[in-house]
Amino acid sequence: MALTRLDSRCLYTLLICMAFGSTLSSNAEINVNAPQDFEIVDPGYLGYLYLQWQRPLSLDNFKECTVEYELKYRNIDSENWKTIITKNLCYKDGFDLNKGVEAKIRTLLPGQCTNGSEVQSSWAEVTYWTSLQGNLGTKIQDMDCIYYNWQDLLCSWKSGMGVHFDTNYNLFYWYEGLHHALQCADYIKVNGKNIGCRFPYLESSDYKDFYICVNGSSESEPIRPSYFIFQLQNIVKPLPPDYLSLIVKSSEDISLKWNMPRGPIPAKCFIYEIKFTEDDTTWVTTTVENEIYIARTSNESKRLCFLVRSKVNIYCSDDGIWSEWSDEQCWNGDILKKASLFFLIPFALISLLVSLVTCLVLYNQKDLLKTAFQTKKEVFSHQETQC
């Protein structure tokens, strides 16, 4: 009897071990290959690259499963990877081509296809470098791009250090919506050399990466190209506000008002910086409105002045460039009083003089009338006597 119980316990334990072992072996046998033909393709868009691959081999047993891919990529000197989970076989993004690019990808099988646990393949890795010919010192220096009033893009640069006198530079640009990269059609020149570019009207270019490459040519040496990526709304420099007014409403309250800058930038996109001066004290404040009320620190202030400048605010861009300062608008208390006295005193004197002259004229007219009346009376009396 005891032996029978022992045998049944052993059999039960054996069955559990066999089932558990079967599960382990089943999971251990499930594996998946990495994607095939992983590569980085440069379509000529100055930094906008394609990362593409093909489905891995040996997926015949997982036709009913949704296969996903984990993609990681970065510029080679960057500390952080960008990670994307996708079902597609291609992904596009922008890179700084002044540096190399590295990427890696692996296949993911979800748990419902693999007895409850996700299965991952090994990584497939790839790197990409554009052809960086020429010495580093031949690159342009001090590249500066400003999008004036959200209308006119202008970029300027300086020649590389120690380049040969025959070196000249050319600018190319691309953004999503253009069929291919375009060369600058309106260069800014000094002594026949290109030192900048005036861009044409850029249709539908806002809130997109704007790619620029400035390369060069010289018969003496190869020239290293330079690559840049901008978001145009982040380099907008508006016009300064105009038609400033400063009104002293009472002994304490002052109204400062101005017109928003002319151009296509919406009113909601502005932030203003005001520099206010009361006698010898200056302070700065900001507002999103085109009017502000402030209090005088002293009723005896003799001079009040302010200037305003504008910038695109955080609701319309991540960054921006302050406009130039507006013309100064001032209120001069003493000058107004002196001016009033200057005009009132002569006016009072002239009025007094006119009054005196009028009185004299009237007085003389009265004497003349009196004399004429007496003369006429005497003549009339003489005629009566003769009769």
Protein backbone atom coordinates (compact mmCIF):
# COMPACT_ATOMS: atom_id res chain seq x y z
CA MET A 1 0.00 0.00 0.00
CA ALA A 2 2.81 2.41 0.92
CA LEU A 3 4.64 1.46 -2.24
CA THR A 4 1.57 2.27 -4.34
CA ARG A 5 1.27 5.71 -2.75
CA LEU A 6 4.97 6.37 -3.34
CA ASP A 7 4.69 5.33 -6.99
CA SER A 8 1.71 7.61 -7.58
CA ARG A 9 3.57 10.56 -5.99
CA CYS A 10 6.62 9.90 -8.14
CA LEU A 11 4.47 9.65 -11.23
CA TYR A 12 2.74 12.95 -10.43
CA THR A 13 6.07 14.70 -9.86
CA LEU A 14 7.44 13.24 -13.08
CA LEU A 15 4.44 14.50 -15.07
CA ILE A 16 4.86 18.05 -13.65
CA CYS A 17 8.57 18.08 -14.48
CA MET A 18 7.89 16.82 -17.98
CA ALA A 19 5.27 19.52 -18.58
CA PHE A 20 7.53 22.28 -17.19
CA GLY A 21 10.47 20.98 -19.18
CA SER A 22 8.34 20.91 -22.31
CA THR A 23 7.40 24.55 -21.77
CA LEU A 24 11.01 25.57 -21.24
CA SER A 25 12.14 23.71 -24.28
CA SER A 26 9.31 25.23 -26.31
CA ASN A 27 10.35 28.77 -25.29
CA ALA A 28 14.00 28.01 -25.83
CA GLU A 29 13.33 26.87 -29.37
CA ILE A 30 11.50 30.12 -30.35
CA ASN A 31 13.90 32.62 -31.85
CA VAL A 32 13.83 35.21 -34.59
CA ASN A 33 16.43 36.69 -36.87
CA ALA A 34 17.43 40.33 -37.12
CA PRO A 35 16.08 42.38 -40.06
CA GLN A 36 17.89 41.95 -43.38
CA ASP A 37 19.67 44.51 -45.55
CA PHE A 38 19.70 47.24 -42.92
CA GLU A 39 21.17 50.42 -44.45
CA ILE A 40 21.24 54.23 -44.26
CA VAL A 41 20.41 55.90 -47.57
CA ASP A 42 21.24 59.52 -48.41
CA PRO A 43 18.73 60.85 -51.01
CA GLY A 44 20.62 64.14 -51.39
CA TYR A 45 18.51 66.19 -48.97
CA LEU A 46 21.51 67.60 -47.03
CA GLY A 47 20.94 65.60 -43.85
CA TYR A 48 17.49 64.07 -44.20
CA LEU A 49 18.29 60.34 -44.34
CA TYR A 50 16.36 57.11 -44.91
CA LEU A 51 16.91 54.15 -42.57
CA GLN A 52 15.51 51.06 -44.29
CA TRP A 53 15.55 47.26 -43.95
CA GLN A 54 13.84 44.04 -45.04
CA ARG A 55 11.85 41.46 -43.08
CA PRO A 56 14.00 38.87 -41.32
CA LEU A 57 14.31 35.30 -42.51
CA SER A 58 12.40 32.41 -40.91
CA LEU A 59 9.12 34.19 -40.21
CA ASP A 60 7.02 31.52 -41.91
CA ASN A 61 5.86 30.17 -38.54
CA PHE A 62 4.67 33.62 -37.45
CA LYS A 63 2.52 34.69 -40.39
CA GLU A 64 -0.39 35.48 -38.07
CA CYS A 65 1.78 37.60 -35.77
CA THR A 66 2.37 41.35 -35.95
CA VAL A 67 6.13 41.77 -36.25
CA GLU A 68 7.60 44.98 -34.85
CA TYR A 69 11.06 46.53 -35.03
CA GLU A 70 12.98 48.45 -32.39
CA LEU A 71 15.14 51.09 -34.08
CA LYS A 72 17.80 53.14 -32.30
CA TYR A 73 19.86 55.88 -33.97
CA ARG A 74 22.00 58.94 -33.20
CA ASN A 75 24.86 61.11 -34.40
CA ILE A 76 28.05 59.37 -33.36
CA ASP A 77 29.15 61.90 -30.72
CA SER A 78 25.70 62.09 -29.10
CA GLU A 79 25.17 60.54 -25.67
CA ASN A 80 21.52 59.64 -26.19
CA TRP A 81 19.86 57.28 -28.63
CA LYS A 82 16.51 58.02 -30.24
CA THR A 83 14.28 54.94 -30.01
CA ILE A 84 11.41 54.10 -32.34
CA ILE A 85 9.08 51.07 -32.31
CA THR A 86 7.59 50.60 -35.77
CA LYS A 87 5.90 48.03 -38.01
CA ASN A 88 7.24 49.69 -41.17
CA LEU A 89 10.35 48.83 -43.13
CA CYS A 90 11.63 52.41 -43.40
CA TYR A 91 12.08 55.43 -41.15
CA LYS A 92 13.18 58.99 -42.04
CA ASP A 93 14.79 61.68 -39.91
CA GLY A 94 17.27 64.53 -40.02
CA PHE A 95 20.93 64.27 -38.99
CA ASP A 96 23.92 66.57 -38.66
CA LEU A 97 26.13 65.47 -41.54
CA ASN A 98 29.13 67.24 -40.05
CA LYS A 99 29.28 64.08 -37.91
CA GLY A 100 28.79 60.40 -38.52
CA VAL A 101 25.52 58.52 -38.01
CA GLU A 102 25.04 55.16 -36.32
CA ALA A 103 21.92 53.02 -36.05
CA LYS A 104 20.90 49.59 -34.87
CA ILE A 105 17.70 47.56 -35.21
CA ARG A 106 16.22 44.29 -33.94
CA THR A 107 13.06 42.26 -34.49
CA LEU A 108 10.38 41.96 -31.80
CA LEU A 109 7.84 39.12 -31.58
CA PRO A 110 4.94 39.85 -29.20
CA GLY A 111 4.04 37.55 -26.31
CA GLN A 112 0.85 36.20 -27.84
CA CYS A 113 2.96 34.54 -30.55
CA THR A 114 5.59 33.10 -28.20
CA ASN A 115 3.76 31.51 -25.29
CA GLY A 116 3.50 34.73 -23.30
CA SER A 117 6.99 36.27 -23.44
CA GLU A 118 8.36 38.71 -26.02
CA VAL A 119 11.15 37.37 -28.20
CA GLN A 120 13.89 39.69 -29.44
CA SER A 121 16.45 39.13 -32.14
CA SER A 122 20.07 40.21 -32.00
CA TRP A 123 20.95 43.72 -33.19
CA ALA A 124 21.80 44.60 -36.78
CA GLU A 125 24.07 47.66 -36.85
CA VAL A 126 25.15 50.17 -39.49
CA THR A 127 27.06 53.47 -39.70
CA TYR A 128 27.13 56.27 -42.26
CA TRP A 129 29.58 59.07 -43.05
CA THR A 130 29.19 61.61 -45.80
CA SER A 131 32.29 62.38 -47.84
CA LEU A 132 34.08 65.06 -45.80
CA GLN A 133 36.86 66.17 -48.13
CA GLY A 134 39.21 69.04 -47.36
CA ASN A 135 40.82 70.25 -44.16
CA LEU A 136 38.64 71.40 -41.27
CA GLY A 137 40.05 74.94 -41.58
CA THR A 138 38.61 75.35 -45.08
CA LYS A 139 35.02 75.31 -43.79
CA ILE A 140 33.11 78.58 -43.63
CA GLN A 141 33.08 80.44 -40.31
CA ASP A 142 30.42 82.35 -38.36
CA MET A 143 27.36 81.15 -40.25
CA ASP A 144 24.44 83.43 -39.32
CA CYS A 145 20.86 83.08 -40.59
CA ILE A 146 18.02 85.48 -39.75
CA TYR A 147 14.41 85.26 -40.94
CA TYR A 148 13.53 88.96 -41.10
CA ASN A 149 9.92 89.70 -40.14
CA TRP A 150 8.96 86.07 -40.95
CA GLN A 151 9.32 87.00 -44.64
CA ASP A 152 12.91 87.33 -45.81
CA LEU A 153 15.59 84.76 -44.99
CA LEU A 154 19.19 85.94 -45.20
CA CYS A 155 22.30 83.91 -44.36
CA SER A 156 25.87 85.19 -44.20
CA TRP A 157 29.27 83.64 -43.47
CA LYS A 158 33.00 84.25 -43.48
CA SER A 159 35.61 82.35 -45.46
CA GLY A 160 37.60 79.58 -43.83
CA MET A 161 40.92 80.32 -42.20
CA GLY A 162 43.88 80.48 -44.56
CA VAL A 163 42.02 79.37 -47.69
CA HIS A 164 43.48 80.20 -51.10
CA PHE A 165 42.40 83.47 -52.72
CA ASP A 166 40.51 81.64 -55.50
CA THR A 167 38.20 79.87 -53.00
CA ASN A 168 34.50 80.55 -53.42
CA TYR A 169 31.51 79.08 -51.60
CA ASN A 170 28.07 77.90 -52.73
CA LEU A 171 24.92 77.39 -50.67
CA PHE A 172 22.31 74.67 -51.17
CA TYR A 173 19.08 74.21 -49.21
CA TRP A 174 16.18 71.79 -48.85
CA TYR A 175 13.06 71.36 -46.75
CA GLU A 176 10.18 68.91 -46.92
CA GLY A 177 8.01 69.92 -49.85
CA LEU A 178 10.85 70.56 -52.30
CA HIS A 179 11.52 67.85 -54.88
CA HIS A 180 15.30 68.30 -54.63
CA ALA A 181 17.93 70.52 -53.06
CA LEU A 182 18.17 74.02 -54.56
CA GLN A 183 21.14 76.34 -54.94
CA CYS A 184 21.01 79.97 -53.83
CA ALA A 185 19.95 82.18 -56.72
CA ASP A 186 20.85 85.56 -55.15
CA TYR A 187 24.29 85.61 -53.53
CA ILE A 188 25.65 88.49 -51.48
CA LYS A 189 29.10 89.22 -52.86
CA VAL A 190 32.18 91.11 -51.73
CA ASN A 191 35.02 91.46 -54.23
CA GLY A 192 33.36 88.83 -56.38
CA LYS A 193 33.21 86.25 -53.56
CA ASN A 194 30.00 84.80 -52.14
CA ILE A 195 29.59 85.75 -48.47
CA GLY A 196 25.84 85.27 -48.08
CA CYS A 197 22.53 84.39 -49.66
CA ARG A 198 19.18 86.14 -50.00
CA PHE A 199 16.52 83.47 -50.24
CA PRO A 200 13.38 83.72 -52.37
CA TYR A 201 9.89 83.41 -50.92
CA LEU A 202 9.82 80.08 -49.06
CA GLU A 203 6.38 78.55 -49.40
CA SER A 204 5.17 76.28 -46.57
CA SER A 205 8.57 76.23 -44.87
CA ASP A 206 7.49 76.98 -41.28
CA TYR A 207 7.69 74.41 -38.49
CA LYS A 208 9.88 72.10 -40.56
CA ASP A 209 13.58 71.28 -40.48
CA PHE A 210 15.37 73.54 -42.96
CA TYR A 211 18.61 71.98 -44.22
CA ILE A 212 21.55 73.99 -45.55
CA CYS A 213 24.90 72.93 -46.98
CA VAL A 214 27.65 75.42 -47.82
CA ASN A 215 30.44 73.86 -49.83
CA GLY A 216 33.21 75.44 -51.86
CA SER A 217 35.65 75.09 -54.68
CA SER A 218 39.29 75.97 -55.20
CA GLU A 219 41.92 74.91 -57.72
CA SER A 220 44.46 74.73 -54.91
CA GLU A 221 42.75 72.43 -52.39
CA PRO A 222 39.47 70.64 -51.61
CA ILE A 223 37.02 72.58 -49.42
CA ARG A 224 35.24 70.99 -46.45
CA PRO A 225 31.42 71.36 -46.64
CA SER A 226 29.37 72.63 -43.68
CA TYR A 227 25.88 71.41 -42.79
CA PHE A 228 23.19 73.22 -40.80
CA ILE A 229 19.63 72.50 -39.65
CA PHE A 230 17.24 75.32 -38.68
CA GLN A 231 13.60 75.73 -37.78
CA LEU A 232 12.81 79.02 -39.49
CA GLN A 233 10.23 80.20 -36.93
CA ASN A 234 13.02 80.05 -34.31
CA ILE A 235 15.26 82.58 -36.11
CA VAL A 236 12.64 85.26 -36.82
CA LYS A 237 13.66 88.89 -36.19
CA PRO A 238 10.60 91.19 -36.27
CA LEU A 239 10.48 94.88 -37.08
CA PRO A 240 10.51 97.24 -34.08
CA PRO A 241 7.17 98.63 -32.87
CA ASP A 242 6.27 102.15 -33.98
CA TYR A 243 3.92 105.04 -33.17
CA LEU A 244 4.78 105.12 -29.50
CA SER A 245 2.74 107.31 -27.15
CA LEU A 246 3.36 108.27 -23.53
CA ILE A 247 0.43 109.86 -21.70
CA VAL A 248 0.59 111.09 -18.11
CA LYS A 249 -3.00 110.44 -17.02
CA SER A 250 -2.64 111.75 -13.47
CA SER A 251 0.02 112.64 -10.95
CA GLU A 252 0.86 108.91 -10.67
CA ASP A 253 -0.51 106.90 -13.62
CA ILE A 254 1.26 106.70 -16.98
CA SER A 255 0.02 104.98 -20.14
CA LEU A 256 2.57 103.55 -22.57
CA LYS A 257 1.20 102.41 -25.92
CA TRP A 258 2.57 101.42 -29.34
CA ASN A 259 1.56 99.81 -32.61
CA MET A 260 2.50 96.17 -33.24
CA PRO A 261 5.18 95.72 -35.94
CA ARG A 262 4.02 95.69 -39.53
CA GLY A 263 4.13 92.42 -41.45
CA PRO A 264 2.66 88.90 -41.47
CA ILE A 265 3.37 87.97 -37.83
CA PRO A 266 0.05 87.56 -35.92
CA ALA A 267 -0.52 89.82 -32.91
CA LYS A 268 -0.76 86.77 -30.61
CA CYS A 269 2.82 85.80 -31.48
CA PHE A 270 4.54 88.90 -30.05
CA ILE A 271 6.23 89.56 -26.76
CA TYR A 272 7.49 93.07 -26.04
CA GLU A 273 10.32 94.34 -23.89
CA ILE A 274 9.91 97.87 -22.54
CA LYS A 275 12.79 99.99 -21.28
CA PHE A 276 11.37 102.82 -19.15
CA THR A 277 13.37 105.72 -17.74
CA GLU A 278 12.17 108.10 -15.04
CA ASP A 279 14.74 110.84 -14.60
CA ASP A 280 17.93 108.85 -13.81
CA THR A 281 16.26 105.50 -13.02
CA THR A 282 15.79 102.83 -15.71
CA TRP A 283 13.98 99.52 -15.50
CA VAL A 284 12.89 96.84 -17.98
CA THR A 285 9.72 94.76 -18.15
CA THR A 286 7.95 92.52 -20.67
CA THR A 287 4.35 92.13 -21.81
CA VAL A 288 2.39 90.38 -24.55
CA GLU A 289 0.04 93.37 -24.97
CA ASN A 290 0.82 96.54 -26.91
CA GLU A 291 -0.13 98.77 -23.98
CA ILE A 292 1.00 98.95 -20.38
CA TYR A 293 0.16 101.13 -17.39
CA ILE A 294 2.80 102.05 -14.86
CA ALA A 295 3.01 104.26 -11.77
CA ARG A 296 5.46 107.08 -11.36
CA THR A 297 7.81 106.75 -8.42
CA SER A 298 7.68 110.49 -7.83
CA ASN A 299 5.23 113.25 -8.65
CA GLU A 300 8.22 115.53 -9.17
CA SER A 301 9.56 113.55 -12.16
CA LYS A 302 10.95 115.93 -14.75
CA ARG A 303 11.54 113.47 -17.62
CA LEU A 304 9.85 110.20 -18.59
CA CYS A 305 11.04 108.13 -21.60
CA PHE A 306 10.53 104.65 -22.99
CA LEU A 307 11.56 102.36 -25.85
CA VAL A 308 10.09 99.05 -27.03
CA ARG A 309 11.37 96.04 -28.95
CA SER A 310 9.61 92.86 -30.05
CA LYS A 311 10.23 89.13 -30.43
CA VAL A 312 8.21 86.05 -31.39
CA ASN A 313 6.92 84.50 -28.16
CA ILE A 314 6.92 80.91 -26.90
CA TYR A 315 3.42 80.26 -28.24
CA CYS A 316 4.64 80.52 -31.83
CA SER A 317 8.29 79.41 -31.63
CA ASP A 318 10.87 77.81 -29.35
CA ASP A 319 13.23 80.74 -29.72
CA GLY A 320 13.58 84.04 -31.54
CA ILE A 321 15.66 87.17 -32.10
CA TRP A 322 14.81 90.54 -30.53
CA SER A 323 14.06 93.34 -32.96
CA GLU A 324 15.98 96.60 -32.88
CA TRP A 325 14.80 99.14 -30.29
CA SER A 326 12.10 101.56 -31.40
CA ASP A 327 12.60 105.30 -31.46
CA GLU A 328 12.47 106.85 -28.00
CA GLN A 329 9.29 108.56 -26.82
CA CYS A 330 9.58 111.09 -23.97
CA TRP A 331 7.54 113.40 -21.73
CA ASN A 332 9.33 116.44 -20.29
CA GLY A 333 7.51 118.12 -17.41
CA ASP A 334 9.78 121.19 -16.94
CA ILE A 335 10.11 121.78 -20.64
CA LEU A 336 6.34 121.81 -21.00
CA LYS A 337 6.03 124.30 -18.14
CA LYS A 338 8.78 126.49 -19.57
CA ALA A 339 7.25 126.23 -23.00
CA SER A 340 3.89 127.26 -21.56
CA LEU A 341 5.45 130.24 -19.84
CA PHE A 342 7.39 131.05 -22.99
CA PHE A 343 4.18 131.31 -24.95
CA LEU A 344 1.89 132.68 -22.25
CA ILE A 345 4.05 135.65 -21.21
CA PRO A 346 4.45 137.10 -24.74
CA PHE A 347 0.77 136.42 -25.38
CA ALA A 348 -0.19 138.31 -22.23
CA LEU A 349 2.10 141.22 -23.14
CA ILE A 350 0.74 141.37 -26.66
CA SER A 351 -2.83 141.23 -25.36
CA LEU A 352 -2.08 144.05 -22.92
CA LEU A 353 -0.47 146.12 -25.66
CA VAL A 354 -3.45 145.57 -27.97
CA SER A 355 -5.79 146.62 -25.18
CA LEU A 356 -3.80 149.82 -24.52
CA VAL A 357 -3.68 150.68 -28.19
CA THR A 358 -7.41 150.07 -28.48
CA CYS A 359 -8.09 152.28 -25.51
CA LEU A 360 -5.90 155.05 -26.89
CA VAL A 361 -7.57 154.85 -30.27
CA LEU A 362 -11.00 154.97 -28.70
CA TYR A 363 -9.96 157.89 -26.47
CA ASN A 364 -8.58 159.83 -29.45
CA GLN A 365 -11.73 159.10 -31.46
CA LYS A 366 -13.81 160.44 -28.58
CA ASP A 367 -11.82 163.72 -28.48
CA LEU A 368 -12.10 164.10 -32.25
CA LEU A 369 -15.86 163.56 -32.16
CA LYS A 370 -16.21 166.05 -29.29
CA THR A 371 -14.19 168.69 -31.16
CA ALA A 372 -16.15 168.15 -34.37
CA PHE A 373 -19.43 168.46 -32.51
CA GLN A 374 -18.41 171.72 -30.85
CA THR A 375 -17.22 173.17 -34.18
CA LYS A 376 -20.48 172.30 -35.86
CA LYS A 377 -22.42 173.87 -32.98
CA GLU A 378 -20.48 177.11 -33.21
CA VAL A 379 -21.09 177.36 -36.96
CA PHE A 380 -24.79 176.82 -36.48
CA SER A 381 -24.95 179.51 -33.75
CA HIS A 382 -23.14 182.00 -36.01
CA GLN A 383 -25.63 181.44 -38.80
CA GLU A 384 -28.57 182.14 -36.45
CA THR A 385 -27.00 185.45 -35.34
CA GLN A 386 -26.67 186.62 -38.94
CA CYS A 387 -30.30 185.98 -39.60
